[in-house]
Amino acid sequence: TTGQPKGVIRHTAGQLVALNWTMK
């Protein structure tokens, strides 16, 4: 993206729970 970029953010707790669940 040129111009104003889209900054996707990730919240800490949700990321921890979801990623840990996906690994197995």
PDB file of all heavy atoms in Angstrom:
ATOM      1  N   THR A   1       0.851  -1.186   0.000  1.00  0.00           N
ATOM      2  CA  THR A   1       0.000   0.000   0.000  1.00  0.00           C
ATOM      3  C   THR A   1       0.884   1.233   0.000  1.00  0.00           C
ATOM      4  O   THR A   1       1.822   1.331   0.768  1.00  0.00           O
ATOM      5  CB  THR A   1      -0.871   0.051   1.272  1.00  0.00           C
ATOM      6  OG1 THR A   1      -0.033  -0.189   2.395  1.00  0.00           O
ATOM      7  CG2 THR A   1      -1.966  -0.973   1.240  1.00  0.00           C
ATOM      8  N   THR A   2       0.588   2.166  -0.890  1.00  0.00           N
ATOM      9  CA  THR A   2       1.263   3.461  -0.775  1.00  0.00           C
ATOM     10  C   THR A   2       0.253   4.392  -0.125  1.00  0.00           C
ATOM     11  O   THR A   2      -0.863   3.996   0.159  1.00  0.00           O
ATOM     12  CB  THR A   2       1.693   4.002  -2.151  1.00  0.00           C
ATOM     13  OG1 THR A   2       0.522   4.085  -2.958  1.00  0.00           O
ATOM     14  CG2 THR A   2       2.693   3.091  -2.812  1.00  0.00           C
ATOM     15  N   GLY A   3       0.640   5.637   0.109  1.00  0.00           N
ATOM     16  CA  GLY A   3      -0.257   6.517   0.839  1.00  0.00           C
ATOM     17  C   GLY A   3      -0.305   6.054   2.287  1.00  0.00           C
ATOM     18  O   GLY A   3       0.705   5.687   2.861  1.00  0.00           O
ATOM     19  N   GLN A   4      -1.495   6.046   2.867  1.00  0.00           N
ATOM     20  CA  GLN A   4      -1.632   5.694   4.280  1.00  0.00           C
ATOM     21  C   GLN A   4      -1.656   4.167   4.424  1.00  0.00           C
ATOM     22  O   GLN A   4      -2.575   3.526   3.940  1.00  0.00           O
ATOM     23  CB  GLN A   4      -2.941   6.302   4.805  1.00  0.00           C
ATOM     24  CG  GLN A   4      -3.026   6.405   6.307  1.00  0.00           C
ATOM     25  CD  GLN A   4      -1.889   7.200   6.938  1.00  0.00           C
ATOM     26  OE1 GLN A   4      -1.278   8.028   6.301  1.00  0.00           O
ATOM     27  NE2 GLN A   4      -1.605   6.927   8.196  1.00  0.00           N
ATOM     28  N   PRO A   5      -0.660   3.563   5.080  1.00  0.00           N
ATOM     29  CA  PRO A   5      -0.660   2.101   5.165  1.00  0.00           C
ATOM     30  C   PRO A   5      -1.655   1.616   6.221  1.00  0.00           C
ATOM     31  O   PRO A   5      -2.021   2.357   7.121  1.00  0.00           O
ATOM     32  CB  PRO A   5       0.770   1.775   5.596  1.00  0.00           C
ATOM     33  CG  PRO A   5       1.199   2.972   6.366  1.00  0.00           C
ATOM     34  CD  PRO A   5       0.471   4.161   5.793  1.00  0.00           C
ATOM     35  N   LYS A   6      -2.084   0.358   6.050  1.00  0.00           N
ATOM     36  CA  LYS A   6      -3.022  -0.247   7.004  1.00  0.00           C
ATOM     37  C   LYS A   6      -2.224  -0.996   8.047  1.00  0.00           C
ATOM     38  O   LYS A   6      -1.603  -2.009   7.735  1.00  0.00           O
ATOM     39  CB  LYS A   6      -3.889  -1.264   6.278  1.00  0.00           C
ATOM     40  CG  LYS A   6      -5.231  -0.779   5.813  1.00  0.00           C
ATOM     41  CD  LYS A   6      -6.025  -2.017   5.350  1.00  0.00           C
ATOM     42  CE  LYS A   6      -7.130  -1.609   4.400  1.00  0.00           C
ATOM     43  NZ  LYS A   6      -7.713  -2.766   3.735  1.00  0.00           N
ATOM     44  N   GLY A   7      -2.248  -0.525   9.291  1.00  0.00           N
ATOM     45  CA  GLY A   7      -1.498  -1.185  10.361  1.00  0.00           C
ATOM     46  C   GLY A   7      -2.379  -2.167  11.118  1.00  0.00           C
ATOM     47  O   GLY A   7      -3.157  -1.779  11.988  1.00  0.00           O
ATOM     48  N   VAL A   8      -2.248  -3.439  10.769  1.00  0.00           N
ATOM     49  CA  VAL A   8      -2.999  -4.477  11.474  1.00  0.00           C
ATOM     50  C   VAL A   8      -2.398  -4.635  12.867  1.00  0.00           C
ATOM     51  O   VAL A   8      -1.181  -4.762  13.001  1.00  0.00           O
ATOM     52  CB  VAL A   8      -2.915  -5.809  10.700  1.00  0.00           C
ATOM     53  CG1 VAL A   8      -3.419  -6.981  11.541  1.00  0.00           C
ATOM     54  CG2 VAL A   8      -3.693  -5.705   9.389  1.00  0.00           C
ATOM     55  N   ILE A   9      -3.247  -4.624  13.910  1.00  0.00           N
ATOM     56  CA  ILE A   9      -2.692  -4.851  15.244  1.00  0.00           C
ATOM     57  C   ILE A   9      -3.189  -6.182  15.803  1.00  0.00           C
ATOM     58  O   ILE A   9      -4.198  -6.719  15.368  1.00  0.00           O
ATOM     59  CB  ILE A   9      -2.963  -3.703  16.250  1.00  0.00           C
ATOM     60  CG1 ILE A   9      -4.450  -3.479  16.477  1.00  0.00           C
ATOM     61  CG2 ILE A   9      -2.283  -2.428  15.818  1.00  0.00           C
ATOM     62  CD1 ILE A   9      -4.729  -2.458  17.565  1.00  0.00           C
ATOM     63  N   ARG A  10      -2.419  -6.694  16.722  1.00  0.00           N
ATOM     64  CA  ARG A  10      -2.715  -7.985  17.342  1.00  0.00           C
ATOM     65  C   ARG A  10      -2.699  -7.757  18.844  1.00  0.00           C
ATOM     66  O   ARG A  10      -1.714  -7.242  19.370  1.00  0.00           O
ATOM     67  CB  ARG A  10      -1.598  -8.971  16.954  1.00  0.00           C
ATOM     68  CG  ARG A  10      -1.976 -10.408  17.038  1.00  0.00           C
ATOM     69  CD  ARG A  10      -2.820 -10.883  15.880  1.00  0.00           C
ATOM     70  NE  ARG A  10      -2.137 -10.934  14.604  1.00  0.00           N
ATOM     71  CZ  ARG A  10      -2.739 -10.718  13.435  1.00  0.00           C
ATOM     72  NH1 ARG A  10      -4.027 -10.422  13.372  1.00  0.00           N
ATOM     73  NH2 ARG A  10      -2.067 -10.784  12.301  1.00  0.00           N
ATOM     74  N   HIS A  11      -3.763  -8.127  19.523  1.00  0.00           N
ATOM     75  CA  HIS A  11      -3.775  -8.013  20.983  1.00  0.00           C
ATOM     76  C   HIS A  11      -3.038  -9.198  21.613  1.00  0.00           C
ATOM     77  O   HIS A  11      -3.070 -10.314  21.109  1.00  0.00           O
ATOM     78  CB  HIS A  11      -5.208  -7.928  21.507  1.00  0.00           C
ATOM     79  CG  HIS A  11      -5.812  -6.566  21.363  1.00  0.00           C
ATOM     80  ND1 HIS A  11      -7.135  -6.292  21.623  1.00  0.00           N
ATOM     81  CD2 HIS A  11      -5.258  -5.385  20.988  1.00  0.00           C
ATOM     82  CE1 HIS A  11      -7.365  -4.998  21.420  1.00  0.00           C
ATOM     83  NE2 HIS A  11      -6.248  -4.434  21.027  1.00  0.00           N
ATOM     84  N   THR A  12      -2.384  -8.921  22.734  1.00  0.00           N
ATOM     85  CA  THR A  12      -1.466  -9.886  23.352  1.00  0.00           C
ATOM     86  C   THR A  12      -2.127 -11.203  23.755  1.00  0.00           C
ATOM     87  O   THR A  12      -1.695 -12.284  23.356  1.00  0.00           O
ATOM     88  CB  THR A  12      -0.793  -9.227  24.576  1.00  0.00           C
ATOM     89  OG1 THR A  12      -0.077  -8.069  24.117  1.00  0.00           O
ATOM     90  CG2 THR A  12       0.171 -10.181  25.264  1.00  0.00           C
ATOM     91  N   ALA A  13      -3.189 -11.146  24.555  1.00  0.00           N
ATOM     92  CA  ALA A  13      -3.761 -12.378  25.113  1.00  0.00           C
ATOM     93  C   ALA A  13      -4.398 -13.253  24.038  1.00  0.00           C
ATOM     94  O   ALA A  13      -4.198 -14.469  24.012  1.00  0.00           O
ATOM     95  CB  ALA A  13      -4.785 -12.039  26.195  1.00  0.00           C
ATOM     96  N   GLY A  14      -5.158 -12.635  23.147  1.00  0.00           N
ATOM     97  CA  GLY A  14      -5.818 -13.407  22.096  1.00  0.00           C
ATOM     98  C   GLY A  14      -4.816 -14.118  21.214  1.00  0.00           C
ATOM     99  O   GLY A  14      -4.996 -15.288  20.835  1.00  0.00           O
ATOM    100  N   GLN A  15      -3.723 -13.417  20.898  1.00  0.00           N
ATOM    101  CA  GLN A  15      -2.673 -14.037  20.074  1.00  0.00           C
ATOM    102  C   GLN A  15      -2.075 -15.255  20.780  1.00  0.00           C
ATOM    103  O   GLN A  15      -1.881 -16.312  20.168  1.00  0.00           O
ATOM    104  CB  GLN A  15      -1.562 -13.019  19.784  1.00  0.00           C
ATOM    105  CG  GLN A  15      -0.307 -13.677  19.230  1.00  0.00           C
ATOM    106  CD  GLN A  15       0.780 -12.709  18.818  1.00  0.00           C
ATOM    107  OE1 GLN A  15       0.882 -12.350  17.661  1.00  0.00           O
ATOM    108  NE2 GLN A  15       1.591 -12.297  19.759  1.00  0.00           N
ATOM    109  N   LEU A  16      -1.787 -15.128  22.062  1.00  0.00           N
ATOM    110  CA  LEU A  16      -1.198 -16.241  22.816  1.00  0.00           C
ATOM    111  C   LEU A  16      -2.111 -17.471  22.799  1.00  0.00           C
ATOM    112  O   LEU A  16      -1.678 -18.584  22.503  1.00  0.00           O
ATOM    113  CB  LEU A  16      -0.946 -15.820  24.268  1.00  0.00           C
ATOM    114  CG  LEU A  16       0.291 -14.946  24.520  1.00  0.00           C
ATOM    115  CD1 LEU A  16       0.200 -14.276  25.883  1.00  0.00           C
ATOM    116  CD2 LEU A  16       1.565 -15.766  24.424  1.00  0.00           C
ATOM    117  N   VAL A  17      -3.378 -17.255  23.108  1.00  0.00           N
ATOM    118  CA  VAL A  17      -4.325 -18.379  23.205  1.00  0.00           C
ATOM    119  C   VAL A  17      -4.526 -19.038  21.839  1.00  0.00           C
ATOM    120  O   VAL A  17      -4.461 -20.263  21.708  1.00  0.00           O
ATOM    121  CB  VAL A  17      -5.676 -17.899  23.791  1.00  0.00           C
ATOM    122  CG1 VAL A  17      -6.725 -19.019  23.726  1.00  0.00           C
ATOM    123  CG2 VAL A  17      -5.491 -17.424  25.231  1.00  0.00           C
ATOM    124  N   ALA A  18      -4.750 -18.208  20.805  1.00  0.00           N
ATOM    125  CA  ALA A  18      -5.056 -18.764  19.479  1.00  0.00           C
ATOM    126  C   ALA A  18      -3.861 -19.510  18.897  1.00  0.00           C
ATOM    127  O   ALA A  18      -3.993 -20.642  18.418  1.00  0.00           O
ATOM    128  CB  ALA A  18      -5.493 -17.642  18.533  1.00  0.00           C
ATOM    129  N   LEU A  19      -2.681 -18.886  18.918  1.00  0.00           N
ATOM    130  CA  LEU A  19      -1.517 -19.532  18.302  1.00  0.00           C
ATOM    131  C   LEU A  19      -1.161 -20.830  19.027  1.00  0.00           C
ATOM    132  O   LEU A  19      -0.824 -21.825  18.390  1.00  0.00           O
ATOM    133  CB  LEU A  19      -0.315 -18.584  18.267  1.00  0.00           C
ATOM    134  CG  LEU A  19      -0.459 -17.354  17.357  1.00  0.00           C
ATOM    135  CD1 LEU A  19       0.828 -16.545  17.351  1.00  0.00           C
ATOM    136  CD2 LEU A  19      -0.844 -17.741  15.934  1.00  0.00           C
ATOM    137  N   ASN A  20      -1.243 -20.801  20.350  1.00  0.00           N
ATOM    138  CA  ASN A  20      -0.941 -22.014  21.101  1.00  0.00           C
ATOM    139  C   ASN A  20      -1.908 -23.143  20.717  1.00  0.00           C
ATOM    140  O   ASN A  20      -1.512 -24.292  20.527  1.00  0.00           O
ATOM    141  CB  ASN A  20      -1.027 -21.723  22.605  1.00  0.00           C
ATOM    142  CG  ASN A  20      -0.566 -22.904  23.431  1.00  0.00           C
ATOM    143  OD1 ASN A  20       0.567 -23.357  23.305  1.00  0.00           O
ATOM    144  ND2 ASN A  20      -1.446 -23.416  24.261  1.00  0.00           N
ATOM    145  N   TRP A  21      -3.179 -22.796  20.536  1.00  0.00           N
ATOM    146  CA  TRP A  21      -4.197 -23.793  20.159  1.00  0.00           C
ATOM    147  C   TRP A  21      -3.895 -24.393  18.780  1.00  0.00           C
ATOM    148  O   TRP A  21      -4.041 -25.588  18.558  1.00  0.00           O
ATOM    149  CB  TRP A  21      -5.593 -23.147  20.177  1.00  0.00           C
ATOM    150  CG  TRP A  21      -6.700 -24.124  19.902  1.00  0.00           C
ATOM    151  CD1 TRP A  21      -7.359 -24.900  20.819  1.00  0.00           C
ATOM    152  CD2 TRP A  21      -7.257 -24.455  18.624  1.00  0.00           C
ATOM    153  NE1 TRP A  21      -8.290 -25.697  20.185  1.00  0.00           N
ATOM    154  CE2 TRP A  21      -8.252 -25.448  18.834  1.00  0.00           C
ATOM    155  CE3 TRP A  21      -7.020 -24.028  17.316  1.00  0.00           C
ATOM    156  CZ2 TRP A  21      -9.008 -26.012  17.801  1.00  0.00           C
ATOM    157  CZ3 TRP A  21      -7.762 -24.589  16.273  1.00  0.00           C
ATOM    158  CH2 TRP A  21      -8.749 -25.567  16.518  1.00  0.00           C
ATOM    159  N   THR A  22      -3.442 -23.538  17.847  1.00  0.00           N
ATOM    160  CA  THR A  22      -3.233 -24.020  16.466  1.00  0.00           C
ATOM    161  C   THR A  22      -2.066 -24.986  16.344  1.00  0.00           C
ATOM    162  O   THR A  22      -2.076 -25.856  15.478  1.00  0.00           O
ATOM    163  CB  THR A  22      -2.972 -22.851  15.488  1.00  0.00           C
ATOM    164  OG1 THR A  22      -1.742 -22.179  15.842  1.00  0.00           O
ATOM    165  CG2 THR A  22      -4.110 -21.848  15.482  1.00  0.00           C
ATOM    166  N   MET A  23      -1.047 -24.836  17.173  1.00  0.00           N
ATOM    167  CA  MET A  23       0.167 -25.643  16.978  1.00  0.00           C
ATOM    168  C   MET A  23      -0.135 -27.135  17.039  1.00  0.00           C
ATOM    169  O   MET A  23       0.368 -27.908  16.235  1.00  0.00           O
ATOM    170  CB  MET A  23       1.257 -25.274  17.988  1.00  0.00           C
ATOM    171  CG  MET A  23       1.855 -23.889  17.805  1.00  0.00           C
ATOM    172  SD  MET A  23       2.427 -23.475  16.136  1.00  0.00           S
ATOM    173  CE  MET A  23       3.746 -24.662  15.920  1.00  0.00           C
ATOM    174  N   LYS A  24      -0.978 -27.550  17.979  1.00  0.00           N
ATOM    175  CA  LYS A  24      -1.334 -28.967  18.061  1.00  0.00           C
ATOM    176  C   LYS A  24      -2.495 -29.297  17.128  1.00  0.00           C
ATOM    177  O   LYS A  24      -2.452 -30.253  16.355  1.00  0.00           O
ATOM    178  CB  LYS A  24      -1.696 -29.345  19.506  1.00  0.00           C
ATOM    179  CG  LYS A  24      -2.173 -30.806  19.667  1.00  0.00           C
ATOM    180  CD  LYS A  24      -1.106 -31.801  19.214  1.00  0.00           C
ATOM    181  CE  LYS A  24      -1.617 -33.230  19.194  1.00  0.00           C
ATOM    182  NZ  LYS A  24      -0.709 -34.121  18.430  1.00  0.00           N
TER     183      LYS A  24
END
